[in-house]
mmCIF file of all heavy atoms, coordinates in Angstrom:
data_MODEL
# 
_entry.id   MODEL 
# 
loop_
_atom_site.group_PDB 
_atom_site.id 
_atom_site.type_symbol 
_atom_site.label_atom_id 
_atom_site.label_alt_id 
_atom_site.label_comp_id 
_atom_site.label_asym_id 
_atom_site.label_entity_id 
_atom_site.label_seq_id 
_atom_site.pdbx_PDB_ins_code 
_atom_site.Cartn_x 
_atom_site.Cartn_y 
_atom_site.Cartn_z 
_atom_site.occupancy 
_atom_site.B_iso_or_equiv 
_atom_site.pdbx_formal_charge 
_atom_site.auth_seq_id 
_atom_site.auth_comp_id 
_atom_site.auth_asym_id 
_atom_site.auth_atom_id 
_atom_site.pdbx_PDB_model_num 
ATOM 1   N N   . GLU A 1 1  ? 114.639 34.426 7.388   1.00 0.00 ? 1  GLU A N   1 
ATOM 2   C CA  . GLU A 1 1  ? 115.664 33.358 7.527   1.00 0.00 ? 1  GLU A CA  1 
ATOM 3   C C   . GLU A 1 1  ? 115.726 32.431 6.338   1.00 0.00 ? 1  GLU A C   1 
ATOM 4   O O   . GLU A 1 1  ? 116.826 32.015 5.864   1.00 0.00 ? 1  GLU A O   1 
ATOM 5   C CB  . GLU A 1 1  ? 115.208 32.587 8.793   1.00 0.00 ? 1  GLU A CB  1 
ATOM 6   C CG  . GLU A 1 1  ? 116.316 31.399 9.104   1.00 0.00 ? 1  GLU A CG  1 
ATOM 7   C CD  . GLU A 1 1  ? 115.990 30.697 10.369  1.00 0.00 ? 1  GLU A CD  1 
ATOM 8   O OE1 . GLU A 1 1  ? 114.902 31.044 10.949  1.00 0.00 ? 1  GLU A OE1 1 
ATOM 9   O OE2 . GLU A 1 1  ? 116.760 29.766 10.754  1.00 0.00 ? 1  GLU A OE2 1 
ATOM 10  N N   . VAL A 1 2  ? 114.528 32.173 5.719   1.00 0.00 ? 2  VAL A N   1 
ATOM 11  C CA  . VAL A 1 2  ? 114.608 31.286 4.587   1.00 0.00 ? 2  VAL A CA  1 
ATOM 12  C C   . VAL A 1 2  ? 115.323 31.863 3.434   1.00 0.00 ? 2  VAL A C   1 
ATOM 13  O O   . VAL A 1 2  ? 116.206 31.108 2.796   1.00 0.00 ? 2  VAL A O   1 
ATOM 14  C CB  . VAL A 1 2  ? 113.100 31.048 4.152   1.00 0.00 ? 2  VAL A CB  1 
ATOM 15  C CG1 . VAL A 1 2  ? 113.047 30.165 2.829   1.00 0.00 ? 2  VAL A CG1 1 
ATOM 16  C CG2 . VAL A 1 2  ? 112.306 30.326 5.226   1.00 0.00 ? 2  VAL A CG2 1 
ATOM 17  N N   . GLN A 1 3  ? 115.223 33.070 3.141   1.00 0.00 ? 3  GLN A N   1 
ATOM 18  C CA  . GLN A 1 3  ? 116.070 33.690 2.033   1.00 0.00 ? 3  GLN A CA  1 
ATOM 19  C C   . GLN A 1 3  ? 117.462 33.833 2.496   1.00 0.00 ? 3  GLN A C   1 
ATOM 20  O O   . GLN A 1 3  ? 118.386 33.621 1.603   1.00 0.00 ? 3  GLN A O   1 
ATOM 21  C CB  . GLN A 1 3  ? 115.412 35.176 1.694   1.00 0.00 ? 3  GLN A CB  1 
ATOM 22  C CG  . GLN A 1 3  ? 116.193 35.849 0.611   1.00 0.00 ? 3  GLN A CG  1 
ATOM 23  C CD  . GLN A 1 3  ? 116.260 35.066 -0.676  1.00 0.00 ? 3  GLN A CD  1 
ATOM 24  O OE1 . GLN A 1 3  ? 115.379 35.018 -1.465  1.00 0.00 ? 3  GLN A OE1 1 
ATOM 25  N NE2 . GLN A 1 3  ? 117.474 34.521 -0.914  1.00 0.00 ? 3  GLN A NE2 1 
ATOM 26  N N   . ASN A 1 4  ? 117.763 34.194 3.699   1.00 0.00 ? 4  ASN A N   1 
ATOM 27  C CA  . ASN A 1 4  ? 119.182 34.292 4.091   1.00 0.00 ? 4  ASN A CA  1 
ATOM 28  C C   . ASN A 1 4  ? 119.939 33.032 4.163   1.00 0.00 ? 4  ASN A C   1 
ATOM 29  O O   . ASN A 1 4  ? 121.122 33.076 3.973   1.00 0.00 ? 4  ASN A O   1 
ATOM 30  C CB  . ASN A 1 4  ? 119.187 35.043 5.555   1.00 0.00 ? 4  ASN A CB  1 
ATOM 31  C CG  . ASN A 1 4  ? 118.578 36.299 5.559   1.00 0.00 ? 4  ASN A CG  1 
ATOM 32  O OD1 . ASN A 1 4  ? 118.648 37.052 4.520   1.00 0.00 ? 4  ASN A OD1 1 
ATOM 33  N ND2 . ASN A 1 4  ? 118.075 36.783 6.777   1.00 0.00 ? 4  ASN A ND2 1 
ATOM 34  N N   . LEU A 1 5  ? 119.238 31.944 4.355   1.00 0.00 ? 5  LEU A N   1 
ATOM 35  C CA  . LEU A 1 5  ? 119.875 30.599 4.269   1.00 0.00 ? 5  LEU A CA  1 
ATOM 36  C C   . LEU A 1 5  ? 120.047 30.115 2.920   1.00 0.00 ? 5  LEU A C   1 
ATOM 37  O O   . LEU A 1 5  ? 120.834 29.049 2.626   1.00 0.00 ? 5  LEU A O   1 
ATOM 38  C CB  . LEU A 1 5  ? 119.157 29.614 5.160   1.00 0.00 ? 5  LEU A CB  1 
ATOM 39  C CG  . LEU A 1 5  ? 119.106 29.871 6.677   1.00 0.00 ? 5  LEU A CG  1 
ATOM 40  C CD1 . LEU A 1 5  ? 118.177 28.814 7.280   1.00 0.00 ? 5  LEU A CD1 1 
ATOM 41  C CD2 . LEU A 1 5  ? 120.448 29.765 7.216   1.00 0.00 ? 5  LEU A CD2 1 
ATOM 42  N N   . THR A 1 6  ? 119.368 30.670 1.934   1.00 0.00 ? 6  THR A N   1 
ATOM 43  C CA  . THR A 1 6  ? 119.423 30.185 0.561   1.00 0.00 ? 6  THR A CA  1 
ATOM 44  C C   . THR A 1 6  ? 120.330 31.008 -0.281  1.00 0.00 ? 6  THR A C   1 
ATOM 45  O O   . THR A 1 6  ? 120.267 32.337 -0.322  1.00 0.00 ? 6  THR A O   1 
ATOM 46  C CB  . THR A 1 6  ? 118.002 30.186 -0.053  1.00 0.00 ? 6  THR A CB  1 
ATOM 47  O OG1 . THR A 1 6  ? 117.117 29.502 0.883   1.00 0.00 ? 6  THR A OG1 1 
ATOM 48  C CG2 . THR A 1 6  ? 118.015 29.480 -1.369  1.00 0.00 ? 6  THR A CG2 1 
ATOM 49  N N   . GLU A 1 7  ? 121.163 30.484 -1.083  1.00 0.00 ? 7  GLU A N   1 
ATOM 50  C CA  . GLU A 1 7  ? 122.017 31.155 -1.928  1.00 0.00 ? 7  GLU A CA  1 
ATOM 51  C C   . GLU A 1 7  ? 121.319 31.835 -3.102  1.00 0.00 ? 7  GLU A C   1 
ATOM 52  O O   . GLU A 1 7  ? 121.712 33.028 -3.440  1.00 0.00 ? 7  GLU A O   1 
ATOM 53  C CB  . GLU A 1 7  ? 123.207 30.189 -2.562  1.00 0.00 ? 7  GLU A CB  1 
ATOM 54  C CG  . GLU A 1 7  ? 124.167 30.938 -3.400  1.00 0.00 ? 7  GLU A CG  1 
ATOM 55  C CD  . GLU A 1 7  ? 125.181 29.910 -3.949  1.00 0.00 ? 7  GLU A CD  1 
ATOM 56  O OE1 . GLU A 1 7  ? 125.128 28.653 -3.602  1.00 0.00 ? 7  GLU A OE1 1 
ATOM 57  O OE2 . GLU A 1 7  ? 126.137 30.401 -4.655  1.00 0.00 ? 7  GLU A OE2 1 
ATOM 58  N N   . ASP A 1 8  ? 120.320 31.158 -3.610  1.00 0.00 ? 8  ASP A N   1 
ATOM 59  C CA  . ASP A 1 8  ? 119.607 31.768 -4.800  1.00 0.00 ? 8  ASP A CA  1 
ATOM 60  C C   . ASP A 1 8  ? 118.483 32.750 -4.153  1.00 0.00 ? 8  ASP A C   1 
ATOM 61  O O   . ASP A 1 8  ? 118.071 32.623 -3.093  1.00 0.00 ? 8  ASP A O   1 
ATOM 62  C CB  . ASP A 1 8  ? 118.957 30.692 -5.608  1.00 0.00 ? 8  ASP A CB  1 
ATOM 63  C CG  . ASP A 1 8  ? 119.914 29.763 -6.216  1.00 0.00 ? 8  ASP A CG  1 
ATOM 64  O OD1 . ASP A 1 8  ? 121.006 30.287 -6.648  1.00 0.00 ? 8  ASP A OD1 1 
ATOM 65  O OD2 . ASP A 1 8  ? 119.692 28.499 -6.320  1.00 0.00 ? 8  ASP A OD2 1 
ATOM 66  N N   . THR A 1 9  ? 118.031 33.593 -5.090  1.00 0.00 ? 9  THR A N   1 
ATOM 67  C CA  . THR A 1 9  ? 116.986 34.489 -4.747  1.00 0.00 ? 9  THR A CA  1 
ATOM 68  C C   . THR A 1 9  ? 115.733 33.644 -5.044  1.00 0.00 ? 9  THR A C   1 
ATOM 69  O O   . THR A 1 9  ? 115.405 33.291 -6.188  1.00 0.00 ? 9  THR A O   1 
ATOM 70  C CB  . THR A 1 9  ? 116.897 35.732 -5.645  1.00 0.00 ? 9  THR A CB  1 
ATOM 71  O OG1 . THR A 1 9  ? 118.157 36.449 -5.439  1.00 0.00 ? 9  THR A OG1 1 
ATOM 72  C CG2 . THR A 1 9  ? 115.766 36.670 -5.321  1.00 0.00 ? 9  THR A CG2 1 
ATOM 73  N N   . VAL A 1 10 ? 114.847 33.268 -3.944  1.00 0.00 ? 10 VAL A N   1 
ATOM 74  C CA  . VAL A 1 10 ? 113.778 32.412 -4.074  1.00 0.00 ? 10 VAL A CA  1 
ATOM 75  C C   . VAL A 1 10 ? 112.545 33.221 -3.976  1.00 0.00 ? 10 VAL A C   1 
ATOM 76  O O   . VAL A 1 10 ? 112.424 34.285 -3.395  1.00 0.00 ? 10 VAL A O   1 
ATOM 77  C CB  . VAL A 1 10 ? 113.826 31.366 -3.048  1.00 0.00 ? 10 VAL A CB  1 
ATOM 78  C CG1 . VAL A 1 10 ? 114.955 30.390 -3.276  1.00 0.00 ? 10 VAL A CG1 1 
ATOM 79  C CG2 . VAL A 1 10 ? 113.981 31.966 -1.599  1.00 0.00 ? 10 VAL A CG2 1 
ATOM 80  N N   . ILE A 1 11 ? 111.442 32.642 -4.531  1.00 0.00 ? 11 ILE A N   1 
ATOM 81  C CA  . ILE A 1 11 ? 110.086 33.227 -4.518  1.00 0.00 ? 11 ILE A CA  1 
ATOM 82  C C   . ILE A 1 11 ? 109.074 32.362 -3.821  1.00 0.00 ? 11 ILE A C   1 
ATOM 83  O O   . ILE A 1 11 ? 109.181 31.125 -3.931  1.00 0.00 ? 11 ILE A O   1 
ATOM 84  C CB  . ILE A 1 11 ? 109.561 33.562 -5.987  1.00 0.00 ? 11 ILE A CB  1 
ATOM 85  C CG1 . ILE A 1 11 ? 110.597 34.330 -6.878  1.00 0.00 ? 11 ILE A CG1 1 
ATOM 86  C CG2 . ILE A 1 11 ? 108.299 34.172 -6.100  1.00 0.00 ? 11 ILE A CG2 1 
ATOM 87  C CD1 . ILE A 1 11 ? 110.809 35.728 -6.208  1.00 0.00 ? 11 ILE A CD1 1 
ATOM 88  N N   . ASN A 1 12 ? 108.203 32.940 -3.096  1.00 0.00 ? 12 ASN A N   1 
ATOM 89  C CA  . ASN A 1 12 ? 107.160 32.121 -2.478  1.00 0.00 ? 12 ASN A CA  1 
ATOM 90  C C   . ASN A 1 12 ? 106.083 31.760 -3.547  1.00 0.00 ? 12 ASN A C   1 
ATOM 91  O O   . ASN A 1 12 ? 105.538 32.470 -4.201  1.00 0.00 ? 12 ASN A O   1 
ATOM 92  C CB  . ASN A 1 12 ? 106.357 32.985 -1.411  1.00 0.00 ? 12 ASN A CB  1 
ATOM 93  C CG  . ASN A 1 12 ? 107.257 33.449 -0.292  1.00 0.00 ? 12 ASN A CG  1 
ATOM 94  O OD1 . ASN A 1 12 ? 108.393 32.734 -0.120  1.00 0.00 ? 12 ASN A OD1 1 
ATOM 95  N ND2 . ASN A 1 12 ? 106.916 34.401 0.398   1.00 0.00 ? 12 ASN A ND2 1 
ATOM 96  N N   . ILE A 1 13 ? 105.937 30.524 -3.683  1.00 0.00 ? 13 ILE A N   1 
ATOM 97  C CA  . ILE A 1 13 ? 105.022 29.864 -4.670  1.00 0.00 ? 13 ILE A CA  1 
ATOM 98  C C   . ILE A 1 13 ? 103.912 29.050 -3.943  1.00 0.00 ? 13 ILE A C   1 
ATOM 99  O O   . ILE A 1 13 ? 104.368 28.150 -3.265  1.00 0.00 ? 13 ILE A O   1 
ATOM 100 C CB  . ILE A 1 13 ? 105.760 29.046 -5.714  1.00 0.00 ? 13 ILE A CB  1 
ATOM 101 C CG1 . ILE A 1 13 ? 106.853 29.811 -6.544  1.00 0.00 ? 13 ILE A CG1 1 
ATOM 102 C CG2 . ILE A 1 13 ? 104.798 28.332 -6.731  1.00 0.00 ? 13 ILE A CG2 1 
ATOM 103 C CD1 . ILE A 1 13 ? 106.229 30.986 -7.227  1.00 0.00 ? 13 ILE A CD1 1 
ATOM 104 N N   . PHE A 1 14 ? 102.777 29.337 -4.237  1.00 0.00 ? 14 PHE A N   1 
ATOM 105 C CA  . PHE A 1 14 ? 101.606 28.451 -3.656  1.00 0.00 ? 14 PHE A CA  1 
ATOM 106 C C   . PHE A 1 14 ? 101.264 27.475 -4.765  1.00 0.00 ? 14 PHE A C   1 
ATOM 107 O O   . PHE A 1 14 ? 100.840 27.878 -5.917  1.00 0.00 ? 14 PHE A O   1 
ATOM 108 C CB  . PHE A 1 14 ? 100.403 29.384 -3.272  1.00 0.00 ? 14 PHE A CB  1 
ATOM 109 C CG  . PHE A 1 14 ? 99.239  28.503 -2.915  1.00 0.00 ? 14 PHE A CG  1 
ATOM 110 C CD1 . PHE A 1 14 ? 99.244  27.866 -1.575  1.00 0.00 ? 14 PHE A CD1 1 
ATOM 111 C CD2 . PHE A 1 14 ? 98.052  28.511 -3.723  1.00 0.00 ? 14 PHE A CD2 1 
ATOM 112 C CE1 . PHE A 1 14 ? 98.134  27.026 -1.289  1.00 0.00 ? 14 PHE A CE1 1 
ATOM 113 C CE2 . PHE A 1 14 ? 97.007  27.628 -3.326  1.00 0.00 ? 14 PHE A CE2 1 
ATOM 114 C CZ  . PHE A 1 14 ? 96.990  26.977 -2.090  1.00 0.00 ? 14 PHE A CZ  1 
ATOM 115 N N   . LEU A 1 15 ? 101.322 26.142 -4.558  1.00 0.00 ? 15 LEU A N   1 
ATOM 116 C CA  . LEU A 1 15 ? 101.025 25.128 -5.414  1.00 0.00 ? 15 LEU A CA  1 
ATOM 117 C C   . LEU A 1 15 ? 99.719  24.559 -5.073  1.00 0.00 ? 15 LEU A C   1 
ATOM 118 O O   . LEU A 1 15 ? 99.682  23.794 -4.078  1.00 0.00 ? 15 LEU A O   1 
ATOM 119 C CB  . LEU A 1 15 ? 102.198 24.108 -5.553  1.00 0.00 ? 15 LEU A CB  1 
ATOM 120 C CG  . LEU A 1 15 ? 101.966 23.019 -6.485  1.00 0.00 ? 15 LEU A CG  1 
ATOM 121 C CD1 . LEU A 1 15 ? 102.270 23.684 -7.905  1.00 0.00 ? 15 LEU A CD1 1 
ATOM 122 C CD2 . LEU A 1 15 ? 102.937 21.953 -6.237  1.00 0.00 ? 15 LEU A CD2 1 
ATOM 123 N N   . PRO A 1 16 ? 98.612  24.866 -5.798  1.00 0.00 ? 16 PRO A N   1 
ATOM 124 C CA  . PRO A 1 16 ? 97.331  24.348 -5.476  1.00 0.00 ? 16 PRO A CA  1 
ATOM 125 C C   . PRO A 1 16 ? 97.173  22.844 -5.828  1.00 0.00 ? 16 PRO A C   1 
ATOM 126 O O   . PRO A 1 16 ? 97.855  22.342 -6.695  1.00 0.00 ? 16 PRO A O   1 
ATOM 127 C CB  . PRO A 1 16 ? 96.367  25.266 -6.271  1.00 0.00 ? 16 PRO A CB  1 
ATOM 128 C CG  . PRO A 1 16 ? 97.172  25.678 -7.446  1.00 0.00 ? 16 PRO A CG  1 
ATOM 129 C CD  . PRO A 1 16 ? 98.498  25.715 -7.022  1.00 0.00 ? 16 PRO A CD  1 
ATOM 130 N N   . THR A 1 17 ? 96.109  22.315 -5.178  1.00 0.00 ? 17 THR A N   1 
ATOM 131 C CA  . THR A 1 17 ? 95.787  20.916 -5.502  1.00 0.00 ? 17 THR A CA  1 
ATOM 132 C C   . THR A 1 17 ? 94.505  20.965 -6.391  1.00 0.00 ? 17 THR A C   1 
ATOM 133 O O   . THR A 1 17 ? 93.870  21.802 -6.416  1.00 0.00 ? 17 THR A O   1 
ATOM 134 C CB  . THR A 1 17 ? 95.587  20.022 -4.262  1.00 0.00 ? 17 THR A CB  1 
ATOM 135 O OG1 . THR A 1 17 ? 94.476  20.653 -3.428  1.00 0.00 ? 17 THR A OG1 1 
ATOM 136 C CG2 . THR A 1 17 ? 96.822  19.972 -3.391  1.00 0.00 ? 17 THR A CG2 1 
ATOM 137 N N   . THR A 1 18 ? 94.372  19.773 -7.050  1.00 0.00 ? 18 THR A N   1 
ATOM 138 C CA  . THR A 1 18 ? 93.126  19.544 -7.945  1.00 0.00 ? 18 THR A CA  1 
ATOM 139 C C   . THR A 1 18 ? 92.166  18.545 -7.276  1.00 0.00 ? 18 THR A C   1 
ATOM 140 O O   . THR A 1 18 ? 92.600  17.518 -6.758  1.00 0.00 ? 18 THR A O   1 
ATOM 141 C CB  . THR A 1 18 ? 93.560  19.090 -9.316  1.00 0.00 ? 18 THR A CB  1 
ATOM 142 O OG1 . THR A 1 18 ? 94.475  19.958 -9.937  1.00 0.00 ? 18 THR A OG1 1 
ATOM 143 C CG2 . THR A 1 18 ? 92.449  18.847 -10.217 1.00 0.00 ? 18 THR A CG2 1 
ATOM 144 N N   . PRO A 1 19 ? 90.859  18.830 -7.224  1.00 0.00 ? 19 PRO A N   1 
ATOM 145 C CA  . PRO A 1 19 ? 90.255  19.907 -7.822  1.00 0.00 ? 19 PRO A CA  1 
ATOM 146 C C   . PRO A 1 19 ? 89.888  21.068 -6.915  1.00 0.00 ? 19 PRO A C   1 
ATOM 147 O O   . PRO A 1 19 ? 89.156  22.031 -7.151  1.00 0.00 ? 19 PRO A O   1 
ATOM 148 C CB  . PRO A 1 19 ? 88.845  19.408 -8.222  1.00 0.00 ? 19 PRO A CB  1 
ATOM 149 C CG  . PRO A 1 19 ? 88.608  18.363 -7.170  1.00 0.00 ? 19 PRO A CG  1 
ATOM 150 C CD  . PRO A 1 19 ? 89.902  17.743 -6.696  1.00 0.00 ? 19 PRO A CD  1 
ATOM 151 N N   . ASN A 1 20 ? 90.508  21.034 -5.726  1.00 0.00 ? 20 ASN A N   1 
ATOM 152 C CA  . ASN A 1 20 ? 90.260  22.051 -4.716  1.00 0.00 ? 20 ASN A CA  1 
ATOM 153 C C   . ASN A 1 20 ? 91.554  22.958 -4.578  1.00 0.00 ? 20 ASN A C   1 
ATOM 154 O O   . ASN A 1 20 ? 92.616  22.600 -3.919  1.00 0.00 ? 20 ASN A O   1 
ATOM 155 C CB  . ASN A 1 20 ? 90.008  21.379 -3.246  1.00 0.00 ? 20 ASN A CB  1 
ATOM 156 C CG  . ASN A 1 20 ? 89.681  22.389 -2.178  1.00 0.00 ? 20 ASN A CG  1 
ATOM 157 O OD1 . ASN A 1 20 ? 89.420  23.556 -2.473  1.00 0.00 ? 20 ASN A OD1 1 
ATOM 158 N ND2 . ASN A 1 20 ? 89.969  22.014 -0.922  1.00 0.00 ? 20 ASN A ND2 1 
ATOM 159 N N   . PRO A 1 21 ? 91.504  24.084 -5.220  1.00 0.00 ? 21 PRO A N   1 
ATOM 160 C CA  . PRO A 1 21 ? 92.701  25.050 -5.149  1.00 0.00 ? 21 PRO A CA  1 
ATOM 161 C C   . PRO A 1 21 ? 92.837  25.719 -3.918  1.00 0.00 ? 21 PRO A C   1 
ATOM 162 O O   . PRO A 1 21 ? 93.887  26.461 -3.821  1.00 0.00 ? 21 PRO A O   1 
ATOM 163 C CB  . PRO A 1 21 ? 92.293  25.978 -6.330  1.00 0.00 ? 21 PRO A CB  1 
ATOM 164 C CG  . PRO A 1 21 ? 90.954  26.016 -6.399  1.00 0.00 ? 21 PRO A CG  1 
ATOM 165 C CD  . PRO A 1 21 ? 90.409  24.664 -5.974  1.00 0.00 ? 21 PRO A CD  1 
ATOM 166 N N   . THR A 1 22 ? 92.017  25.594 -2.946  1.00 0.00 ? 22 THR A N   1 
ATOM 167 C CA  . THR A 1 22 ? 92.144  26.337 -1.674  1.00 0.00 ? 22 THR A CA  1 
ATOM 168 C C   . THR A 1 22 ? 93.193  25.605 -0.791  1.00 0.00 ? 22 THR A C   1 
ATOM 169 O O   . THR A 1 22 ? 93.744  26.143 0.219   1.00 0.00 ? 22 THR A O   1 
ATOM 170 C CB  . THR A 1 22 ? 90.901  26.437 -0.928  1.00 0.00 ? 22 THR A CB  1 
ATOM 171 O OG1 . THR A 1 22 ? 90.333  25.087 -0.714  1.00 0.00 ? 22 THR A OG1 1 
ATOM 172 C CG2 . THR A 1 22 ? 89.898  27.305 -1.736  1.00 0.00 ? 22 THR A CG2 1 
ATOM 173 N N   . SER A 1 23 ? 93.457  24.378 -1.134  1.00 0.00 ? 23 SER A N   1 
ATOM 174 C CA  . SER A 1 23 ? 94.594  23.569 -0.347  1.00 0.00 ? 23 SER A CA  1 
ATOM 175 C C   . SER A 1 23 ? 95.732  23.438 -1.332  1.00 0.00 ? 23 SER A C   1 
ATOM 176 O O   . SER A 1 23 ? 95.588  23.445 -2.472  1.00 0.00 ? 23 SER A O   1 
ATOM 177 C CB  . SER A 1 23 ? 94.035  22.188 0.036   1.00 0.00 ? 23 SER A CB  1 
ATOM 178 O OG  . SER A 1 23 ? 93.696  21.397 -1.025  1.00 0.00 ? 23 SER A OG  1 
ATOM 179 N N   . GLY A 1 24 ? 96.948  23.202 -0.677  1.00 0.00 ? 24 GLY A N   1 
ATOM 180 C CA  . GLY A 1 24 ? 98.070  23.101 -1.513  1.00 0.00 ? 24 GLY A CA  1 
ATOM 181 C C   . GLY A 1 24 ? 99.346  23.079 -0.715  1.00 0.00 ? 24 GLY A C   1 
ATOM 182 O O   . GLY A 1 24 ? 99.364  22.756 0.553   1.00 0.00 ? 24 GLY A O   1 
ATOM 183 N N   . PHE A 1 25 ? 100.437 23.477 -1.360  1.00 0.00 ? 25 PHE A N   1 
ATOM 184 C CA  . PHE A 1 25 ? 101.795 23.523 -0.705  1.00 0.00 ? 25 PHE A CA  1 
ATOM 185 C C   . PHE A 1 25 ? 102.520 24.842 -0.945  1.00 0.00 ? 25 PHE A C   1 
ATOM 186 O O   . PHE A 1 25 ? 102.269 25.565 -1.901  1.00 0.00 ? 25 PHE A O   1 
ATOM 187 C CB  . PHE A 1 25 ? 102.682 22.429 -1.322  1.00 0.00 ? 25 PHE A CB  1 
ATOM 188 C CG  . PHE A 1 25 ? 102.062 21.066 -1.339  1.00 0.00 ? 25 PHE A CG  1 
ATOM 189 C CD1 . PHE A 1 25 ? 101.395 20.608 -2.487  1.00 0.00 ? 25 PHE A CD1 1 
ATOM 190 C CD2 . PHE A 1 25 ? 102.065 20.214 -0.288  1.00 0.00 ? 25 PHE A CD2 1 
ATOM 191 C CE1 . PHE A 1 25 ? 100.786 19.448 -2.531  1.00 0.00 ? 25 PHE A CE1 1 
ATOM 192 C CE2 . PHE A 1 25 ? 101.547 19.042 -0.226  1.00 0.00 ? 25 PHE A CE2 1 
ATOM 193 C CZ  . PHE A 1 25 ? 100.880 18.608 -1.371  1.00 0.00 ? 25 PHE A CZ  1 
ATOM 194 N N   . LEU A 1 26 ? 103.220 25.237 0.080   1.00 0.00 ? 26 LEU A N   1 
ATOM 195 C CA  . LEU A 1 26 ? 104.157 26.518 -0.009  1.00 0.00 ? 26 LEU A CA  1 
ATOM 196 C C   . LEU A 1 26 ? 105.517 25.983 -0.407  1.00 0.00 ? 26 LEU A C   1 
ATOM 197 O O   . LEU A 1 26 ? 106.151 25.291 0.318   1.00 0.00 ? 26 LEU A O   1 
ATOM 198 C CB  . LEU A 1 26 ? 104.068 27.254 1.366   1.00 0.00 ? 26 LEU A CB  1 
ATOM 199 C CG  . LEU A 1 26 ? 105.067 28.370 1.368   1.00 0.00 ? 26 LEU A CG  1 
ATOM 200 C CD1 . LEU A 1 26 ? 104.720 29.395 0.312   1.00 0.00 ? 26 LEU A CD1 1 
ATOM 201 C CD2 . LEU A 1 26 ? 105.068 29.042 2.755   1.00 0.00 ? 26 LEU A CD2 1 
ATOM 202 N N   . LEU A 1 27 ? 105.920 26.553 -1.573  1.00 0.00 ? 27 LEU A N   1 
ATOM 203 C CA  . LEU A 1 27 ? 107.279 26.128 -2.013  1.00 0.00 ? 27 LEU A CA  1 
ATOM 204 C C   . LEU A 1 27 ? 108.112 27.455 -2.136  1.00 0.00 ? 27 LEU A C   1 
ATOM 205 O O   . LEU A 1 27 ? 107.523 28.436 -2.487  1.00 0.00 ? 27 LEU A O   1 
ATOM 206 C CB  . LEU A 1 27 ? 107.252 25.517 -3.424  1.00 0.00 ? 27 LEU A CB  1 
ATOM 207 C CG  . LEU A 1 27 ? 106.273 24.231 -3.542  1.00 0.00 ? 27 LEU A CG  1 
ATOM 208 C CD1 . LEU A 1 27 ? 106.209 23.774 -5.039  1.00 0.00 ? 27 LEU A CD1 1 
ATOM 209 C CD2 . LEU A 1 27 ? 106.743 23.086 -2.595  1.00 0.00 ? 27 LEU A CD2 1 
ATOM 210 N N   . PHE A 1 28 ? 109.403 27.350 -1.933  1.00 0.00 ? 28 PHE A N   1 
ATOM 211 C CA  . PHE A 1 28 ? 110.366 28.409 -2.062  1.00 0.00 ? 28 PHE A CA  1 
ATOM 212 C C   . PHE A 1 28 ? 111.199 27.959 -3.210  1.00 0.00 ? 28 PHE A C   1 
ATOM 213 O O   . PHE A 1 28 ? 112.116 27.206 -3.212  1.00 0.00 ? 28 PHE A O   1 
ATOM 214 C CB  . PHE A 1 28 ? 111.254 28.550 -0.869  1.00 0.00 ? 28 PHE A CB  1 
ATOM 215 C CG  . PHE A 1 28 ? 110.313 28.814 0.441   1.00 0.00 ? 28 PHE A CG  1 
ATOM 216 C CD1 . PHE A 1 28 ? 110.197 27.821 1.327   1.00 0.00 ? 28 PHE A CD1 1 
ATOM 217 C CD2 . PHE A 1 28 ? 109.757 30.103 0.743   1.00 0.00 ? 28 PHE A CD2 1 
ATOM 218 C CE1 . PHE A 1 28 ? 109.369 28.116 2.455   1.00 0.00 ? 28 PHE A CE1 1 
ATOM 219 C CE2 . PHE A 1 28 ? 109.033 30.311 1.713   1.00 0.00 ? 28 PHE A CE2 1 
ATOM 220 C CZ  . PHE A 1 28 ? 108.879 29.278 2.664   1.00 0.00 ? 28 PHE A CZ  1 
ATOM 221 N N   . VAL A 1 29 ? 110.903 28.614 -4.358  1.00 0.00 ? 29 VAL A N   1 
ATOM 222 C CA  . VAL A 1 29 ? 111.518 28.283 -5.666  1.00 0.00 ? 29 VAL A CA  1 
ATOM 223 C C   . VAL A 1 29 ? 112.445 29.334 -6.102  1.00 0.00 ? 29 VAL A C   1 
ATOM 224 O O   . VAL A 1 29 ? 112.094 30.484 -6.084  1.00 0.00 ? 29 VAL A O   1 
ATOM 225 C CB  . VAL A 1 29 ? 110.419 28.044 -6.795  1.00 0.00 ? 29 VAL A CB  1 
ATOM 226 C CG1 . VAL A 1 29 ? 111.013 27.440 -8.079  1.00 0.00 ? 29 VAL A CG1 1 
ATOM 227 C CG2 . VAL A 1 29 ? 109.450 27.003 -6.255  1.00 0.00 ? 29 VAL A CG2 1 
ATOM 228 N N   . PRO A 1 30 ? 113.656 28.997 -6.696  1.00 0.00 ? 30 PRO A N   1 
ATOM 229 C CA  . PRO A 1 30 ? 114.463 30.061 -7.209  1.00 0.00 ? 30 PRO A CA  1 
ATOM 230 C C   . PRO A 1 30 ? 113.868 30.799 -8.359  1.00 0.00 ? 30 PRO A C   1 
ATOM 231 O O   . PRO A 1 30 ? 113.159 30.132 -9.155  1.00 0.00 ? 30 PRO A O   1 
ATOM 232 C CB  . PRO A 1 30 ? 115.740 29.229 -7.647  1.00 0.00 ? 30 PRO A CB  1 
ATOM 233 C CG  . PRO A 1 30 ? 115.808 28.014 -6.816  1.00 0.00 ? 30 PRO A CG  1 
ATOM 234 C CD  . PRO A 1 30 ? 114.225 27.726 -6.520  1.00 0.00 ? 30 PRO A CD  1 
ATOM 235 N N   . ARG A 1 31 ? 114.199 32.007 -8.443  1.00 0.00 ? 31 ARG A N   1 
ATOM 236 C CA  . ARG A 1 31 ? 113.513 32.884 -9.499  1.00 0.00 ? 31 ARG A CA  1 
ATOM 237 C C   . ARG A 1 31 ? 113.803 32.355 -10.827 1.00 0.00 ? 31 ARG A C   1 
ATOM 238 O O   . ARG A 1 31 ? 112.910 32.375 -11.698 1.00 0.00 ? 31 ARG A O   1 
ATOM 239 C CB  . ARG A 1 31 ? 113.939 34.299 -9.272  1.00 0.00 ? 31 ARG A CB  1 
ATOM 240 C CG  . ARG A 1 31 ? 113.321 35.283 -10.305 1.00 0.00 ? 31 ARG A CG  1 
ATOM 241 C CD  . ARG A 1 31 ? 113.910 36.629 -10.123 1.00 0.00 ? 31 ARG A CD  1 
ATOM 242 N NE  . ARG A 1 31 ? 113.678 37.262 -8.814  1.00 0.00 ? 31 ARG A NE  1 
ATOM 243 C CZ  . ARG A 1 31 ? 112.580 37.876 -8.660  1.00 0.00 ? 31 ARG A CZ  1 
ATOM 244 N NH1 . ARG A 1 31 ? 111.696 38.198 -9.645  1.00 0.00 ? 31 ARG A NH1 1 
ATOM 245 N NH2 . ARG A 1 31 ? 112.502 38.545 -7.471  1.00 0.00 ? 31 ARG A NH2 1 
# 
């Protein structure tokens, strides 16, 4: 659904936090 609702072709990007890279955010960023 996320891709179908978005006009651009998006990629799943995991954005880690500092200094603990095991936590972070899930972003859907255009290619």
